[in-house]
Amino acid sequence: MTGADIDYARYDRIRPIRWTGGALELLDQRRLPFETTYVSCGTSDEVADAIRQLVVRGAPAIGIAAAWGVVLAARGIDAVDGAQAARLLQPAMEQLNAARPTAVNLAWALARMRGALEGAGSAWRERLEAEARAIETEDLAANRRMGELGASLIAPGSGVLTHCNTGSLATAGFGTALGVIRAGVAQGRIGRVFADETRPWMQGSRLTVWELQQDGIDATLIADAAASHLLKEGGVEWVVVGADRICANGDVANKIGTYQLAISARFHGRKFMVVAPSSTVDMATPSGDLIEIEERDPAELLGVGGSRTVADGIQAWNPVFDVTPAALIDAIVTEKGIVERPDADAMRALLS
């Protein structure tokens, strides 16, 4: 089965980002799975706040939202051409870029929006909107391509485990790692899907299993702490995850908990796949040791669903990402191709 044979009407139903022409509507992922509501953003400040507050999350989706945030910021300035517009939009772009520093797609999308202004005359506003639309449509096409490529590595009937949420909610649609799972299920390659909770924001239990349920894909939820036991028991052949940044040497920054899954997969003889668009590859960062790891409010660890579960006076540490060394990764899948056993030479060859 090829990508043309996948029923995308069935396996690609969710859209987290909607441009209305007057505002950017973002599916509020803090309220899922029990409430499906959109937050309307009419300014770039509101988009930056939505990114910071995790209304929208997932590296590709953050980049797309930021691109539309620039379009909104353009409505508040007067400029005769693209060069002047770029200067006047710089503060808004800096604010958007600071909202989530680890996700490289954010800076990448803003660089594309800045590039769209180069040489633009009086029609610079139209150029900006066209670029934001292109970033979104290209991401959807890339996800479908990655789904097909990643699924080709999986033997029929395999079990897979995924971490965090890497589906339609984190992208323009279909998803990265979850796109591979969708394609694999559609092609009969994946027989069983497991998703871990992904504490403390519970993206796995709140978002991933809900997404799969919308597509009629059965998924089994496990506690984060059960993953190694699952891998030992042999119900999973592949761990399939996304990425927020891939370094020049193949090191990968992703949601906290990814690193320990890679260690456990290697120990138990299972395969580990990272799925992300080429825009997530940061060739300017030589290795994961140089990545700034975002930390969020420690209070996120002190309760569940707004109810405190920890005694007063207890301290907490809340890093949002960790770095998985390339040596623990069996395959990196992008829309440009597959890199098996990634290293610096293989990453350069991919992007050349």
Protein backbone atom coordinates (compact mmCIF):
# COMPACT_ATOMS: atom_id res chain seq x y z
CA MET A 1 0.00 0.00 0.00
CA THR A 2 1.29 3.46 -0.87
CA GLY A 3 0.44 6.86 0.55
CA ALA A 4 -2.11 7.28 -2.23
CA ASP A 5 -3.96 4.24 -0.82
CA ILE A 6 -4.31 5.64 2.72
CA ASP A 7 -7.80 6.88 3.50
CA TYR A 8 -6.86 10.33 4.79
CA ALA A 9 -10.52 11.23 5.26
CA ARG A 10 -10.54 8.57 7.97
CA TYR A 11 -7.06 9.01 9.41
CA ASP A 12 -6.66 12.79 9.19
CA ARG A 13 -9.72 14.41 10.74
CA ILE A 14 -8.35 16.86 13.31
CA ARG A 15 -7.13 20.40 12.68
CA PRO A 16 -5.68 22.34 15.63
CA ILE A 17 -5.06 25.59 13.70
CA ARG A 18 -7.65 27.54 11.70
CA TRP A 19 -7.01 30.82 9.92
CA THR A 20 -10.28 32.67 9.41
CA GLY A 21 -8.88 35.66 7.53
CA GLY A 22 -9.49 37.87 10.53
CA ALA A 23 -8.12 35.80 13.42
CA LEU A 24 -6.17 32.67 14.26
CA GLU A 25 -8.24 30.01 15.99
CA LEU A 26 -6.31 27.48 18.07
CA LEU A 27 -7.84 24.29 19.45
CA ASP A 28 -7.33 24.64 23.21
CA GLN A 29 -5.35 21.52 24.05
CA ARG A 30 -5.49 22.26 27.78
CA ARG A 31 -9.19 21.39 27.75
CA LEU A 32 -9.04 18.14 25.79
CA PRO A 33 -10.35 15.46 25.79
CA PHE A 34 -13.55 16.55 27.51
CA GLU A 35 -14.06 19.95 25.91
CA THR A 36 -13.36 20.90 22.29
CA THR A 37 -13.05 24.67 22.14
CA TYR A 38 -10.98 27.09 20.07
CA VAL A 39 -9.15 30.16 21.39
CA SER A 40 -9.38 33.09 18.99
CA CYS A 41 -6.21 35.17 18.69
CA GLY A 42 -6.48 38.59 17.08
CA THR A 43 -2.94 39.83 17.84
CA SER A 44 0.59 38.44 17.82
CA ASP A 45 0.72 39.01 21.60
CA GLU A 46 -2.22 36.65 22.00
CA VAL A 47 -0.55 34.05 19.78
CA ALA A 48 2.67 34.25 21.82
CA ASP A 49 0.69 33.82 25.01
CA ALA A 50 -1.20 30.85 23.56
CA ILE A 51 2.11 29.18 22.68
CA ARG A 52 3.52 29.90 26.14
CA GLN A 53 0.39 28.63 27.90
CA LEU A 54 0.28 25.39 25.83
CA VAL A 55 -3.01 26.21 24.14
CA VAL A 56 -1.09 25.08 21.05
CA ARG A 57 1.87 22.71 21.41
CA GLY A 58 4.06 20.46 19.32
CA ALA A 59 7.05 21.87 17.44
CA PRO A 60 5.49 22.04 13.93
CA ALA A 61 2.19 23.48 15.22
CA ILE A 62 4.05 26.12 17.23
CA GLY A 63 5.93 27.20 14.11
CA ILE A 64 2.73 27.42 12.08
CA ALA A 65 0.98 29.41 14.79
CA ALA A 66 3.92 31.80 15.03
CA ALA A 67 3.83 32.37 11.26
CA TRP A 68 0.19 33.39 11.46
CA GLY A 69 1.12 35.51 14.50
CA VAL A 70 3.41 37.55 12.23
CA VAL A 71 0.52 38.05 9.81
CA LEU A 72 -1.54 39.40 12.69
CA ALA A 73 1.31 41.65 13.85
CA ALA A 74 1.50 43.13 10.34
CA ARG A 75 -1.96 44.58 10.77
CA GLY A 76 -0.67 46.94 13.41
CA ILE A 77 2.05 48.59 11.36
CA ASP A 78 2.31 50.84 8.33
CA ALA A 79 5.19 50.13 5.97
CA VAL A 80 5.85 51.06 2.36
CA ASP A 81 7.77 47.89 1.53
CA GLY A 82 9.06 44.60 2.91
CA ALA A 83 12.31 46.02 4.26
CA GLN A 84 10.54 48.59 6.40
CA ALA A 85 7.97 45.99 7.49
CA ALA A 86 10.75 43.63 8.61
CA ARG A 87 12.21 46.31 10.88
CA LEU A 88 8.84 47.20 12.38
CA LEU A 89 7.86 43.54 12.88
CA GLN A 90 11.10 42.60 14.64
CA PRO A 91 9.78 43.16 18.21
CA ALA A 92 6.75 40.95 17.55
CA MET A 93 8.95 38.24 16.05
CA GLU A 94 11.28 38.34 19.05
CA GLN A 95 8.33 37.98 21.40
CA LEU A 96 6.99 35.00 19.44
CA ASN A 97 10.43 33.39 19.33
CA ALA A 98 10.84 33.66 23.11
CA ALA A 99 7.56 31.86 23.82
CA ARG A 100 9.10 28.33 23.58
CA PRO A 101 12.90 28.39 23.13
CA THR A 102 13.59 24.66 22.56
CA ALA A 103 11.36 24.03 19.54
CA VAL A 104 13.55 24.90 16.55
CA ASN A 105 10.52 25.04 14.22
CA LEU A 106 9.53 28.28 15.90
CA ALA A 107 12.71 30.12 14.91
CA TRP A 108 12.67 28.37 11.51
CA ALA A 109 9.13 29.56 10.71
CA LEU A 110 9.92 33.11 11.81
CA ALA A 111 13.04 33.10 9.61
CA ARG A 112 10.88 32.08 6.66
CA MET A 113 8.44 34.89 7.38
CA ARG A 114 11.33 37.34 7.56
CA GLY A 115 12.71 35.97 4.31
CA ALA A 116 9.34 36.46 2.61
CA LEU A 117 9.71 40.20 3.19
CA GLU A 118 13.05 40.42 1.38
CA GLY A 119 12.57 42.25 -1.87
CA ALA A 120 8.84 42.61 -1.28
CA GLY A 121 7.32 45.88 -2.46
CA SER A 122 3.99 47.33 -1.51
CA ALA A 123 2.34 43.88 -1.60
CA TRP A 124 4.40 42.67 1.38
CA ARG A 125 1.28 41.84 3.41
CA GLU A 126 0.10 39.41 0.75
CA ARG A 127 3.57 37.86 0.67
CA LEU A 128 3.44 37.28 4.43
CA GLU A 129 0.05 35.60 4.33
CA ALA A 130 1.06 33.41 1.39
CA GLU A 131 4.19 32.29 3.27
CA ALA A 132 2.24 31.39 6.40
CA ARG A 133 -0.16 29.35 4.29
CA ALA A 134 2.78 27.64 2.55
CA ILE A 135 4.37 26.67 5.88
CA GLU A 136 1.09 25.06 6.94
CA THR A 137 0.36 23.19 3.70
CA GLU A 138 3.96 21.99 3.36
CA ASP A 139 3.87 20.58 6.88
CA LEU A 140 0.77 18.52 6.12
CA ALA A 141 2.35 17.12 2.95
CA ALA A 142 5.58 16.34 4.84
CA ASN A 143 3.68 14.50 7.56
CA ARG A 144 1.94 12.25 5.06
CA ARG A 145 5.24 11.49 3.37
CA MET A 146 6.91 10.70 6.71
CA GLY A 147 4.04 8.44 7.64
CA GLU A 148 4.61 6.36 4.53
CA LEU A 149 8.40 6.26 4.98
CA GLY A 150 8.33 5.42 8.68
CA ALA A 151 5.70 2.72 8.28
CA SER A 152 7.89 1.02 5.66
CA LEU A 153 10.41 0.18 8.42
CA ILE A 154 7.85 -1.69 10.53
CA ALA A 155 7.24 -5.40 10.00
CA PRO A 156 3.56 -6.42 9.64
CA GLY A 157 1.82 -7.15 12.92
CA SER A 158 4.28 -5.19 15.08
CA GLY A 159 3.45 -3.45 18.32
CA VAL A 160 4.53 0.15 18.85
CA LEU A 161 4.87 2.47 21.82
CA THR A 162 4.67 6.25 21.47
CA HIS A 163 5.38 9.11 23.85
CA CYS A 164 3.78 12.54 24.33
CA ASN A 165 1.56 13.70 21.45
CA THR A 166 2.91 13.88 17.92
CA GLY A 167 -0.33 13.75 15.96
CA SER A 168 -2.61 16.17 14.20
CA LEU A 169 -2.78 18.25 17.37
CA ALA A 170 0.98 18.89 17.21
CA THR A 171 1.16 19.66 13.48
CA ALA A 172 -0.86 20.95 10.56
CA GLY A 173 -2.48 17.49 10.42
CA PHE A 174 -1.83 13.71 10.36
CA GLY A 175 1.19 14.02 12.63
CA THR A 176 4.84 12.99 12.74
CA ALA A 177 5.34 9.88 14.90
CA LEU A 178 1.58 9.45 15.15
CA GLY A 179 1.43 9.84 11.37
CA VAL A 180 3.71 6.80 11.09
CA ILE A 181 1.35 4.94 13.41
CA ARG A 182 -1.70 6.03 11.41
CA ALA A 183 -0.06 4.94 8.15
CA GLY A 184 1.14 1.69 9.74
CA VAL A 185 -2.32 0.82 10.99
CA ALA A 186 -3.87 1.69 7.61
CA GLN A 187 -1.35 -0.59 5.89
CA GLY A 188 -1.75 -3.45 8.34
CA ARG A 189 1.83 -3.16 9.59
CA ILE A 190 0.95 -2.17 13.15
CA GLY A 191 -1.08 -4.65 15.17
CA ARG A 192 -1.10 -2.94 18.56
CA VAL A 193 -0.52 0.61 19.78
CA PHE A 194 0.58 1.66 23.25
CA ALA A 195 0.77 5.26 24.50
CA ASP A 196 2.24 6.39 27.79
CA GLU A 197 0.69 9.11 29.94
CA THR A 198 3.54 11.63 29.57
CA ARG A 199 3.46 13.46 32.86
CA PRO A 200 3.01 16.14 34.06
CA TRP A 201 0.84 17.56 31.25
CA MET A 202 -0.49 14.11 30.32
CA GLN A 203 -0.24 14.64 26.56
CA GLY A 204 -0.40 10.89 26.02
CA SER A 205 -3.48 10.20 28.11
CA ARG A 206 -5.34 13.43 27.29
CA LEU A 207 -4.40 13.88 23.64
CA THR A 208 -2.81 10.88 21.91
CA VAL A 209 -5.31 8.18 22.85
CA TRP A 210 -8.14 10.65 22.18
CA GLU A 211 -6.79 11.36 18.70
CA LEU A 212 -6.48 7.66 17.92
CA GLN A 213 -9.99 7.08 19.21
CA GLN A 214 -11.30 9.67 16.74
CA ASP A 215 -9.78 7.59 13.94
CA GLY A 216 -11.10 4.29 15.26
CA ILE A 217 -7.60 3.07 16.20
CA ASP A 218 -7.47 1.02 19.40
CA ALA A 219 -4.72 2.16 21.75
CA THR A 220 -3.68 0.92 25.18
CA LEU A 221 -2.67 3.55 27.73
CA ILE A 222 0.15 2.78 30.15
CA ALA A 223 1.78 4.62 33.02
CA ASP A 224 5.13 6.18 32.15
CA ALA A 225 6.74 3.88 34.72
CA ALA A 226 5.36 0.77 32.94
CA ALA A 227 7.26 1.34 29.68
CA SER A 228 10.38 -0.67 30.51
CA HIS A 229 8.27 -3.58 31.71
CA LEU A 230 6.29 -3.47 28.48
CA LEU A 231 9.46 -3.49 26.39
CA LYS A 232 10.83 -6.40 28.43
CA GLU A 233 7.64 -8.41 27.96
CA GLY A 234 7.95 -8.19 24.18
CA GLY A 235 4.66 -6.58 23.19
CA VAL A 236 6.45 -3.79 21.32
CA GLU A 237 8.94 -3.93 18.46
CA TRP A 238 9.31 -0.17 17.92
CA VAL A 239 9.25 2.96 20.07
CA VAL A 240 8.17 5.81 17.77
CA VAL A 241 8.56 9.42 18.97
CA GLY A 242 8.75 12.94 17.61
CA ALA A 243 11.35 15.65 18.13
CA ASP A 244 11.55 19.30 19.06
CA ARG A 245 15.12 19.63 17.77
CA ILE A 246 17.52 17.33 15.94
CA CYS A 247 21.18 18.33 16.12
CA ALA A 248 23.79 18.12 13.40
CA ASN A 249 25.17 14.88 14.88
CA GLY A 250 21.72 13.23 15.20
CA ASP A 251 21.16 13.92 18.90
CA VAL A 252 17.46 14.60 19.54
CA ALA A 253 15.70 16.88 22.02
CA ASN A 254 12.16 15.78 22.75
CA LYS A 255 9.60 15.65 25.53
CA ILE A 256 11.03 14.67 28.90
CA GLY A 257 11.00 10.90 29.24
CA THR A 258 12.15 10.19 25.69
CA TYR A 259 15.75 9.52 26.73
CA GLN A 260 14.80 6.81 29.21
CA LEU A 261 12.63 5.11 26.59
CA ALA A 262 15.59 5.02 24.20
CA ILE A 263 17.82 3.49 26.89
CA SER A 264 15.23 0.84 27.71
CA ALA A 265 14.53 0.06 24.04
CA ARG A 266 18.24 -0.51 23.37
CA PHE A 267 18.65 -2.67 26.48
CA HIS A 268 15.71 -4.88 25.51
CA GLY A 269 16.62 -5.15 21.84
CA ARG A 270 13.75 -3.02 20.54
CA LYS A 271 13.99 -0.38 17.80
CA PHE A 272 13.78 3.38 18.37
CA MET A 273 12.47 5.72 15.66
CA VAL A 274 12.38 9.54 15.65
CA VAL A 275 9.99 11.20 13.20
CA ALA A 276 10.17 14.92 12.45
CA PRO A 277 10.18 17.26 9.45
CA SER A 278 13.50 18.52 8.11
CA SER A 279 12.63 21.94 9.59
CA THR A 280 13.30 20.36 13.00
CA VAL A 281 16.90 19.59 12.04
CA ASP A 282 19.21 22.26 13.43
CA MET A 283 22.56 21.92 11.64
CA ALA A 284 23.80 25.00 13.50
CA THR A 285 23.77 23.06 16.79
CA PRO A 286 26.54 20.45 16.67
CA SER A 287 25.27 18.27 19.53
CA GLY A 288 22.59 17.95 22.15
CA ASP A 289 24.95 19.21 24.86
CA LEU A 290 24.43 22.73 23.45
CA ILE A 291 20.62 22.73 23.57
CA GLU A 292 18.92 25.03 26.04
CA ILE A 293 16.52 22.81 28.00
CA GLU A 294 13.34 24.66 28.85
CA GLU A 295 12.10 24.42 32.43
CA ARG A 296 8.53 25.18 33.39
CA ASP A 297 6.86 26.11 36.67
CA PRO A 298 7.67 23.43 39.28
CA ALA A 299 4.09 23.82 40.52
CA GLU A 300 3.00 21.71 37.53
CA LEU A 301 4.38 18.70 39.41
CA LEU A 302 2.65 19.46 42.69
CA GLY A 303 -0.88 18.56 41.67
CA VAL A 304 -3.13 16.83 39.18
CA GLY A 305 -6.08 18.51 37.48
CA GLY A 306 -5.82 21.55 39.73
CA SER A 307 -5.82 19.52 42.96
CA ARG A 308 -2.65 19.58 45.02
CA THR A 309 -1.19 16.15 45.76
CA VAL A 310 2.09 17.17 47.44
CA ALA A 311 2.67 18.48 50.96
CA ASP A 312 3.46 22.15 51.43
CA GLY A 313 7.13 23.09 51.32
CA ILE A 314 8.18 20.36 48.87
CA GLN A 315 10.48 21.48 46.06
CA ALA A 316 10.19 20.22 42.47
CA TRP A 317 12.29 20.27 39.30
CA ASN A 318 10.39 20.43 36.00
CA PRO A 319 12.53 20.17 32.83
CA VAL A 320 10.30 19.90 29.78
CA PHE A 321 12.73 18.16 27.41
CA ASP A 322 15.64 15.76 27.49
CA VAL A 323 18.26 14.85 24.89
CA THR A 324 18.57 11.36 23.39
CA PRO A 325 22.06 10.65 21.99
CA ALA A 326 22.22 9.61 18.34
CA ALA A 327 23.87 6.35 19.39
CA LEU A 328 20.53 5.18 20.86
CA ILE A 329 18.48 5.98 17.74
CA ASP A 330 17.89 3.36 15.05
CA ALA A 331 16.22 5.64 12.52
CA ILE A 332 15.41 9.32 12.00
CA VAL A 333 12.59 9.79 9.50
CA THR A 334 12.00 13.10 7.71
CA GLU A 335 10.11 13.97 4.54
CA LYS A 336 13.49 14.04 2.79
CA GLY A 337 14.26 10.44 3.64
CA ILE A 338 15.35 8.00 6.35
CA VAL A 339 18.63 8.12 8.24
CA GLU A 340 19.49 4.82 9.90
CA ARG A 341 22.11 4.85 12.68
CA PRO A 342 22.37 8.66 12.51
CA ASP A 343 25.62 10.55 12.85
CA ALA A 344 27.02 13.86 11.58
CA ASP A 345 27.90 12.50 8.13
CA ALA A 346 24.48 10.91 7.64
CA MET A 347 22.67 14.09 8.70
CA ARG A 348 24.72 16.19 6.27
CA ALA A 349 23.97 13.75 3.48
CA LEU A 350 20.25 13.87 4.24
CA LEU A 351 20.05 17.65 4.00
CA SER A 352 22.36 17.98 1.01
